ModelCIF file with pLDDT and N, C-alpha, C, O atoms, coordinates in Angstrom:
data_MODEL
#
_entry.id   MODEL 
#
_entity.id                         1 
_entity.type                       polymer 
_entity.pdbx_number_of_molecules   1 
#
_entity_poly.entity_id                      1 
_entity_poly.type                           'polypeptide(L)' 
_entity_poly.nstd_linkage                   no 
_entity_poly.nstd_monomer                   no 
_entity_poly.pdbx_seq_one_letter_code       TLCRAINRLEPIGSGLIEVDGKPLPAEGRLLAR 
_entity_poly.pdbx_seq_one_letter_code_can   TLCRAINRLEPIGSGLIEVDGKPLPAEGRLLAR 
_entity_poly.pdbx_strand_id                 A 
#
loop_
_entity_poly_seq.entity_id 
_entity_poly_seq.num 
_entity_poly_seq.mon_id 
_entity_poly_seq.hetero 
1 1  THR n 
1 2  LEU n 
1 3  CYS n 
1 4  ARG n 
1 5  ALA n 
1 6  ILE n 
1 7  ASN n 
1 8  ARG n 
1 9  LEU n 
1 10 GLU n 
1 11 PRO n 
1 12 ILE n 
1 13 GLY n 
1 14 SER n 
1 15 GLY n 
1 16 LEU n 
1 17 ILE n 
1 18 GLU n 
1 19 VAL n 
1 20 ASP n 
1 21 GLY n 
1 22 LYS n 
1 23 PRO n 
1 24 LEU n 
1 25 PRO n 
1 26 ALA n 
1 27 GLU n 
1 28 GLY n 
1 29 ARG n 
1 30 LEU n 
1 31 LEU n 
1 32 ALA n 
1 33 ARG n 
#
_struct_asym.id          A 
_struct_asym.entity_id   1 
#
loop_
_ma_qa_metric.id 
_ma_qa_metric.mode 
_ma_qa_metric.name 
_ma_qa_metric.software_group_id 
_ma_qa_metric.type 
1 global pLDDT . pLDDT 
2 local  pLDDT . pLDDT 
#
_ma_qa_metric_global.metric_id      1 
_ma_qa_metric_global.metric_value   85.88 
_ma_qa_metric_global.model_id       1 
_ma_qa_metric_global.ordinal_id     1 
#
loop_
_ma_qa_metric_local.label_asym_id 
_ma_qa_metric_local.label_comp_id 
_ma_qa_metric_local.label_seq_id 
_ma_qa_metric_local.metric_id 
_ma_qa_metric_local.metric_value 
_ma_qa_metric_local.model_id 
_ma_qa_metric_local.ordinal_id 
A THR 1  2 94.00 1 1  
A LEU 2  2 95.00 1 2  
A CYS 3  2 93.00 1 3  
A ARG 4  2 91.00 1 4  
A ALA 5  2 92.00 1 5  
A ILE 6  2 91.00 1 6  
A ASN 7  2 83.00 1 7  
A ARG 8  2 84.00 1 8  
A LEU 9  2 86.00 1 9  
A GLU 10 2 89.00 1 10 
A PRO 11 2 89.00 1 11 
A ILE 12 2 91.00 1 12 
A GLY 13 2 92.00 1 13 
A SER 14 2 93.00 1 14 
A GLY 15 2 93.00 1 15 
A LEU 16 2 92.00 1 16 
A ILE 17 2 92.00 1 17 
A GLU 18 2 92.00 1 18 
A VAL 19 2 91.00 1 19 
A ASP 20 2 90.00 1 20 
A GLY 21 2 90.00 1 21 
A LYS 22 2 87.00 1 22 
A PRO 23 2 88.00 1 23 
A LEU 24 2 81.00 1 24 
A PRO 25 2 75.00 1 25 
A ALA 26 2 71.00 1 26 
A GLU 27 2 71.00 1 27 
A GLY 28 2 72.00 1 28 
A ARG 29 2 77.00 1 29 
A LEU 30 2 76.00 1 30 
A LEU 31 2 79.00 1 31 
A ALA 32 2 77.00 1 32 
A ARG 33 2 77.00 1 33 
#
loop_
_atom_site.group_PDB 
_atom_site.id 
_atom_site.type_symbol 
_atom_site.label_atom_id 
_atom_site.label_alt_id 
_atom_site.label_comp_id 
_atom_site.label_asym_id 
_atom_site.label_entity_id 
_atom_site.label_seq_id 
_atom_site.pdbx_PDB_ins_code 
_atom_site.Cartn_x 
_atom_site.Cartn_y 
_atom_site.Cartn_z 
_atom_site.occupancy 
_atom_site.B_iso_or_equiv 
_atom_site.pdbx_formal_charge 
_atom_site.auth_seq_id 
_atom_site.auth_comp_id 
_atom_site.auth_asym_id 
_atom_site.auth_atom_id 
_atom_site.pdbx_PDB_model_num 
ATOM 1   N N  . THR A 1 1  ? 44.469 -7.906  -79.043 1.00 94.00 ? 1  THR A N  1 
ATOM 2   C CA . THR A 1 1  ? 44.419 -7.997  -77.582 1.00 94.00 ? 1  THR A CA 1 
ATOM 3   C C  . THR A 1 1  ? 44.280 -9.452  -77.188 1.00 94.00 ? 1  THR A C  1 
ATOM 4   O O  . THR A 1 1  ? 44.817 -9.836  -76.148 1.00 94.00 ? 1  THR A O  1 
ATOM 5   N N  . LEU A 1 2  ? 43.571 -10.313 -77.978 1.00 95.00 ? 2  LEU A N  1 
ATOM 6   C CA . LEU A 1 2  ? 43.475 -11.768 -77.716 1.00 95.00 ? 2  LEU A CA 1 
ATOM 7   C C  . LEU A 1 2  ? 44.840 -12.252 -77.916 1.00 95.00 ? 2  LEU A C  1 
ATOM 8   O O  . LEU A 1 2  ? 45.215 -13.072 -77.078 1.00 95.00 ? 2  LEU A O  1 
ATOM 9   N N  . CYS A 1 3  ? 45.686 -11.925 -78.853 1.00 93.00 ? 3  CYS A N  1 
ATOM 10  C CA . CYS A 1 3  ? 46.987 -12.515 -79.080 1.00 93.00 ? 3  CYS A CA 1 
ATOM 11  C C  . CYS A 1 3  ? 47.846 -12.018 -77.972 1.00 93.00 ? 3  CYS A C  1 
ATOM 12  O O  . CYS A 1 3  ? 48.670 -12.811 -77.517 1.00 93.00 ? 3  CYS A O  1 
ATOM 13  N N  . ARG A 1 4  ? 47.769 -10.761 -77.448 1.00 91.00 ? 4  ARG A N  1 
ATOM 14  C CA . ARG A 1 4  ? 48.724 -10.340 -76.442 1.00 91.00 ? 4  ARG A CA 1 
ATOM 15  C C  . ARG A 1 4  ? 48.402 -10.830 -75.129 1.00 91.00 ? 4  ARG A C  1 
ATOM 16  O O  . ARG A 1 4  ? 49.213 -10.834 -74.203 1.00 91.00 ? 4  ARG A O  1 
ATOM 17  N N  . ALA A 1 5  ? 47.101 -11.282 -75.041 1.00 92.00 ? 5  ALA A N  1 
ATOM 18  C CA . ALA A 1 5  ? 46.663 -11.887 -73.670 1.00 92.00 ? 5  ALA A CA 1 
ATOM 19  C C  . ALA A 1 5  ? 47.285 -13.232 -73.404 1.00 92.00 ? 5  ALA A C  1 
ATOM 20  O O  . ALA A 1 5  ? 47.442 -13.648 -72.256 1.00 92.00 ? 5  ALA A O  1 
ATOM 21  N N  . ILE A 1 6  ? 47.616 -13.864 -74.407 1.00 91.00 ? 6  ILE A N  1 
ATOM 22  C CA . ILE A 1 6  ? 47.995 -15.418 -74.366 1.00 91.00 ? 6  ILE A CA 1 
ATOM 23  C C  . ILE A 1 6  ? 49.349 -15.510 -73.511 1.00 91.00 ? 6  ILE A C  1 
ATOM 24  O O  . ILE A 1 6  ? 49.583 -16.469 -72.776 1.00 91.00 ? 6  ILE A O  1 
ATOM 25  N N  . ASN A 1 7  ? 50.185 -14.467 -73.669 1.00 83.00 ? 7  ASN A N  1 
ATOM 26  C CA . ASN A 1 7  ? 51.473 -14.432 -72.861 1.00 83.00 ? 7  ASN A CA 1 
ATOM 27  C C  . ASN A 1 7  ? 51.538 -13.230 -71.946 1.00 83.00 ? 7  ASN A C  1 
ATOM 28  O O  . ASN A 1 7  ? 52.605 -12.762 -71.550 1.00 83.00 ? 7  ASN A O  1 
ATOM 29  N N  . ARG A 1 8  ? 50.285 -12.727 -71.611 1.00 84.00 ? 8  ARG A N  1 
ATOM 30  C CA . ARG A 1 8  ? 50.243 -11.735 -70.452 1.00 84.00 ? 8  ARG A CA 1 
ATOM 31  C C  . ARG A 1 8  ? 50.771 -10.365 -70.833 1.00 84.00 ? 8  ARG A C  1 
ATOM 32  O O  . ARG A 1 8  ? 51.049 -9.533  -69.970 1.00 84.00 ? 8  ARG A O  1 
ATOM 33  N N  . LEU A 1 9  ? 50.898 -10.154 -72.034 1.00 86.00 ? 9  LEU A N  1 
ATOM 34  C CA . LEU A 1 9  ? 51.399 -8.786  -72.438 1.00 86.00 ? 9  LEU A CA 1 
ATOM 35  C C  . LEU A 1 9  ? 50.173 -7.806  -72.132 1.00 86.00 ? 9  LEU A C  1 
ATOM 36  O O  . LEU A 1 9  ? 50.313 -6.624  -71.818 1.00 86.00 ? 9  LEU A O  1 
ATOM 37  N N  . GLU A 1 10 ? 49.014 -8.434  -72.261 1.00 89.00 ? 10 GLU A N  1 
ATOM 38  C CA . GLU A 1 10 ? 47.706 -7.753  -71.941 1.00 89.00 ? 10 GLU A CA 1 
ATOM 39  C C  . GLU A 1 10 ? 47.100 -8.507  -70.659 1.00 89.00 ? 10 GLU A C  1 
ATOM 40  O O  . GLU A 1 10 ? 46.662 -9.645  -70.829 1.00 89.00 ? 10 GLU A O  1 
ATOM 41  N N  . PRO A 1 11 ? 47.061 -8.002  -69.555 1.00 89.00 ? 11 PRO A N  1 
ATOM 42  C CA . PRO A 1 11 ? 46.402 -8.662  -68.406 1.00 89.00 ? 11 PRO A CA 1 
ATOM 43  C C  . PRO A 1 11 ? 44.874 -8.679  -68.544 1.00 89.00 ? 11 PRO A C  1 
ATOM 44  O O  . PRO A 1 11 ? 44.235 -7.684  -68.888 1.00 89.00 ? 11 PRO A O  1 
ATOM 45  N N  . ILE A 1 12 ? 44.344 -9.832  -68.264 1.00 91.00 ? 12 ILE A N  1 
ATOM 46  C CA . ILE A 1 12 ? 42.937 -10.055 -68.466 1.00 91.00 ? 12 ILE A CA 1 
ATOM 47  C C  . ILE A 1 12 ? 42.060 -9.645  -67.263 1.00 91.00 ? 12 ILE A C  1 
ATOM 48  O O  . ILE A 1 12 ? 42.599 -9.535  -66.162 1.00 91.00 ? 12 ILE A O  1 
ATOM 49  N N  . GLY A 1 13 ? 40.731 -9.411  -67.410 1.00 92.00 ? 13 GLY A N  1 
ATOM 50  C CA . GLY A 1 13 ? 39.868 -9.194  -66.290 1.00 92.00 ? 13 GLY A CA 1 
ATOM 51  C C  . GLY A 1 13 ? 39.518 -10.317 -65.421 1.00 92.00 ? 13 GLY A C  1 
ATOM 52  O O  . GLY A 1 13 ? 39.617 -10.323 -64.194 1.00 92.00 ? 13 GLY A O  1 
ATOM 53  N N  . SER A 1 14 ? 39.048 -11.385 -66.260 1.00 93.00 ? 14 SER A N  1 
ATOM 54  C CA . SER A 1 14 ? 38.519 -12.617 -65.662 1.00 93.00 ? 14 SER A CA 1 
ATOM 55  C C  . SER A 1 14 ? 38.795 -13.603 -66.667 1.00 93.00 ? 14 SER A C  1 
ATOM 56  O O  . SER A 1 14 ? 39.074 -13.307 -67.829 1.00 93.00 ? 14 SER A O  1 
ATOM 57  N N  . GLY A 1 15 ? 38.710 -14.927 -66.168 1.00 93.00 ? 15 GLY A N  1 
ATOM 58  C CA . GLY A 1 15 ? 38.769 -16.062 -67.058 1.00 93.00 ? 15 GLY A CA 1 
ATOM 59  C C  . GLY A 1 15 ? 40.080 -16.827 -66.924 1.00 93.00 ? 15 GLY A C  1 
ATOM 60  O O  . GLY A 1 15 ? 40.886 -16.449 -66.073 1.00 93.00 ? 15 GLY A O  1 
ATOM 61  N N  . LEU A 1 16 ? 40.336 -17.797 -67.641 1.00 92.00 ? 16 LEU A N  1 
ATOM 62  C CA . LEU A 1 16 ? 41.471 -18.647 -67.488 1.00 92.00 ? 16 LEU A CA 1 
ATOM 63  C C  . LEU A 1 16 ? 42.273 -18.809 -68.788 1.00 92.00 ? 16 LEU A C  1 
ATOM 64  O O  . LEU A 1 16 ? 41.647 -18.925 -69.842 1.00 92.00 ? 16 LEU A O  1 
ATOM 65  N N  . ILE A 1 17 ? 43.495 -18.825 -68.787 1.00 92.00 ? 17 ILE A N  1 
ATOM 66  C CA . ILE A 1 17 ? 44.436 -18.972 -70.062 1.00 92.00 ? 17 ILE A CA 1 
ATOM 67  C C  . ILE A 1 17 ? 45.415 -19.910 -69.580 1.00 92.00 ? 17 ILE A C  1 
ATOM 68  O O  . ILE A 1 17 ? 46.015 -19.692 -68.528 1.00 92.00 ? 17 ILE A O  1 
ATOM 69  N N  . GLU A 1 18 ? 45.637 -21.030 -70.338 1.00 92.00 ? 18 GLU A N  1 
ATOM 70  C CA . GLU A 1 18 ? 46.562 -22.045 -70.044 1.00 92.00 ? 18 GLU A CA 1 
ATOM 71  C C  . GLU A 1 18 ? 47.441 -22.239 -71.342 1.00 92.00 ? 18 GLU A C  1 
ATOM 72  O O  . GLU A 1 18 ? 46.931 -22.323 -72.460 1.00 92.00 ? 18 GLU A O  1 
ATOM 73  N N  . VAL A 1 19 ? 48.719 -22.299 -71.125 1.00 91.00 ? 19 VAL A N  1 
ATOM 74  C CA . VAL A 1 19 ? 49.586 -22.676 -72.277 1.00 91.00 ? 19 VAL A CA 1 
ATOM 75  C C  . VAL A 1 19 ? 50.305 -24.072 -71.926 1.00 91.00 ? 19 VAL A C  1 
ATOM 76  O O  . VAL A 1 19 ? 50.982 -24.228 -70.910 1.00 91.00 ? 19 VAL A O  1 
ATOM 77  N N  . ASP A 1 20 ? 50.078 -25.056 -72.883 1.00 90.00 ? 20 ASP A N  1 
ATOM 78  C CA . ASP A 1 20 ? 50.639 -26.439 -72.672 1.00 90.00 ? 20 ASP A CA 1 
ATOM 79  C C  . ASP A 1 20 ? 50.076 -26.958 -71.289 1.00 90.00 ? 20 ASP A C  1 
ATOM 80  O O  . ASP A 1 20 ? 50.806 -27.642 -70.572 1.00 90.00 ? 20 ASP A O  1 
ATOM 81  N N  . GLY A 1 21 ? 48.809 -26.647 -70.912 1.00 90.00 ? 21 GLY A N  1 
ATOM 82  C CA . GLY A 1 21 ? 48.205 -27.371 -69.833 1.00 90.00 ? 21 GLY A CA 1 
ATOM 83  C C  . GLY A 1 21 ? 48.516 -26.632 -68.498 1.00 90.00 ? 21 GLY A C  1 
ATOM 84  O O  . GLY A 1 21 ? 48.072 -27.061 -67.433 1.00 90.00 ? 21 GLY A O  1 
ATOM 85  N N  . LYS A 1 22 ? 49.301 -25.492 -68.574 1.00 87.00 ? 22 LYS A N  1 
ATOM 86  C CA . LYS A 1 22 ? 49.693 -24.647 -67.222 1.00 87.00 ? 22 LYS A CA 1 
ATOM 87  C C  . LYS A 1 22 ? 49.003 -23.430 -67.339 1.00 87.00 ? 22 LYS A C  1 
ATOM 88  O O  . LYS A 1 22 ? 49.102 -22.730 -68.347 1.00 87.00 ? 22 LYS A O  1 
ATOM 89  N N  . PRO A 1 23 ? 48.178 -23.076 -66.185 1.00 88.00 ? 23 PRO A N  1 
ATOM 90  C CA . PRO A 1 23 ? 47.669 -21.658 -66.183 1.00 88.00 ? 23 PRO A CA 1 
ATOM 91  C C  . PRO A 1 23 ? 48.739 -20.636 -66.151 1.00 88.00 ? 23 PRO A C  1 
ATOM 92  O O  . PRO A 1 23 ? 49.825 -20.819 -65.599 1.00 88.00 ? 23 PRO A O  1 
ATOM 93  N N  . LEU A 1 24 ? 48.365 -19.480 -66.806 1.00 81.00 ? 24 LEU A N  1 
ATOM 94  C CA . LEU A 1 24 ? 49.362 -18.308 -67.000 1.00 81.00 ? 24 LEU A CA 1 
ATOM 95  C C  . LEU A 1 24 ? 49.528 -17.774 -65.491 1.00 81.00 ? 24 LEU A C  1 
ATOM 96  O O  . LEU A 1 24 ? 48.576 -17.446 -64.782 1.00 81.00 ? 24 LEU A O  1 
ATOM 97  N N  . PRO A 1 25 ? 50.752 -17.739 -65.144 1.00 75.00 ? 25 PRO A N  1 
ATOM 98  C CA . PRO A 1 25 ? 51.162 -17.061 -63.777 1.00 75.00 ? 25 PRO A CA 1 
ATOM 99  C C  . PRO A 1 25 ? 50.891 -15.698 -64.060 1.00 75.00 ? 25 PRO A C  1 
ATOM 100 O O  . PRO A 1 25 ? 50.847 -15.279 -65.216 1.00 75.00 ? 25 PRO A O  1 
ATOM 101 N N  . ALA A 1 26 ? 50.684 -14.889 -62.930 1.00 71.00 ? 26 ALA A N  1 
ATOM 102 C CA . ALA A 1 26 ? 50.308 -13.512 -63.137 1.00 71.00 ? 26 ALA A CA 1 
ATOM 103 C C  . ALA A 1 26 ? 51.592 -12.615 -63.390 1.00 71.00 ? 26 ALA A C  1 
ATOM 104 O O  . ALA A 1 26 ? 51.533 -11.656 -64.159 1.00 71.00 ? 26 ALA A O  1 
ATOM 105 N N  . GLU A 1 27 ? 52.614 -12.916 -62.799 1.00 71.00 ? 27 GLU A N  1 
ATOM 106 C CA . GLU A 1 27 ? 53.937 -12.298 -62.751 1.00 71.00 ? 27 GLU A CA 1 
ATOM 107 C C  . GLU A 1 27 ? 55.094 -13.081 -62.382 1.00 71.00 ? 27 GLU A C  1 
ATOM 108 O O  . GLU A 1 27 ? 54.978 -14.250 -62.017 1.00 71.00 ? 27 GLU A O  1 
ATOM 109 N N  . GLY A 1 28 ? 56.202 -12.488 -62.460 1.00 72.00 ? 28 GLY A N  1 
ATOM 110 C CA . GLY A 1 28 ? 57.522 -13.122 -61.667 1.00 72.00 ? 28 GLY A CA 1 
ATOM 111 C C  . GLY A 1 28 ? 58.162 -14.257 -62.646 1.00 72.00 ? 28 GLY A C  1 
ATOM 112 O O  . GLY A 1 28 ? 57.913 -14.461 -63.834 1.00 72.00 ? 28 GLY A O  1 
ATOM 113 N N  . ARG A 1 29 ? 58.971 -14.862 -61.866 1.00 77.00 ? 29 ARG A N  1 
ATOM 114 C CA . ARG A 1 29 ? 59.787 -15.825 -62.638 1.00 77.00 ? 29 ARG A CA 1 
ATOM 115 C C  . ARG A 1 29 ? 59.165 -16.881 -63.451 1.00 77.00 ? 29 ARG A C  1 
ATOM 116 O O  . ARG A 1 29 ? 59.646 -17.249 -64.523 1.00 77.00 ? 29 ARG A O  1 
ATOM 117 N N  . LEU A 1 30 ? 58.089 -17.369 -62.934 1.00 76.00 ? 30 LEU A N  1 
ATOM 118 C CA . LEU A 1 30 ? 57.126 -18.331 -63.567 1.00 76.00 ? 30 LEU A CA 1 
ATOM 119 C C  . LEU A 1 30 ? 56.637 -17.906 -64.968 1.00 76.00 ? 30 LEU A C  1 
ATOM 120 O O  . LEU A 1 30 ? 56.708 -18.573 -66.000 1.00 76.00 ? 30 LEU A O  1 
ATOM 121 N N  . LEU A 1 31 ? 56.056 -16.494 -64.785 1.00 79.00 ? 31 LEU A N  1 
ATOM 122 C CA . LEU A 1 31 ? 55.715 -15.955 -66.053 1.00 79.00 ? 31 LEU A CA 1 
ATOM 123 C C  . LEU A 1 31 ? 56.839 -15.836 -67.106 1.00 79.00 ? 31 LEU A C  1 
ATOM 124 O O  . LEU A 1 31 ? 56.686 -16.176 -68.280 1.00 79.00 ? 31 LEU A O  1 
ATOM 125 N N  . ALA A 1 32 ? 58.005 -15.317 -66.587 1.00 77.00 ? 32 ALA A N  1 
ATOM 126 C CA . ALA A 1 32 ? 59.143 -15.241 -67.721 1.00 77.00 ? 32 ALA A CA 1 
ATOM 127 C C  . ALA A 1 32 ? 59.409 -16.601 -68.280 1.00 77.00 ? 32 ALA A C  1 
ATOM 128 O O  . ALA A 1 32 ? 59.674 -16.734 -69.475 1.00 77.00 ? 32 ALA A O  1 
ATOM 129 N N  . ARG A 1 33 ? 59.344 -17.691 -67.402 1.00 77.00 ? 33 ARG A N  1 
ATOM 130 C CA . ARG A 1 33 ? 59.617 -18.942 -67.869 1.00 77.00 ? 33 ARG A CA 1 
ATOM 131 C C  . ARG A 1 33 ? 58.580 -19.376 -68.993 1.00 77.00 ? 33 ARG A C  1 
ATOM 132 O O  . ARG A 1 33 ? 58.676 -20.480 -69.529 1.00 77.00 ? 33 ARG A O  1 
#
């Protein structure tokens, strides 16, 4: 679950996840990028 949360395959309840300094977008084109 931890692994899959990092690229939003599992949505999280609360907290912050960043990849390379950018917060994970919830959905849409930015998430795909």
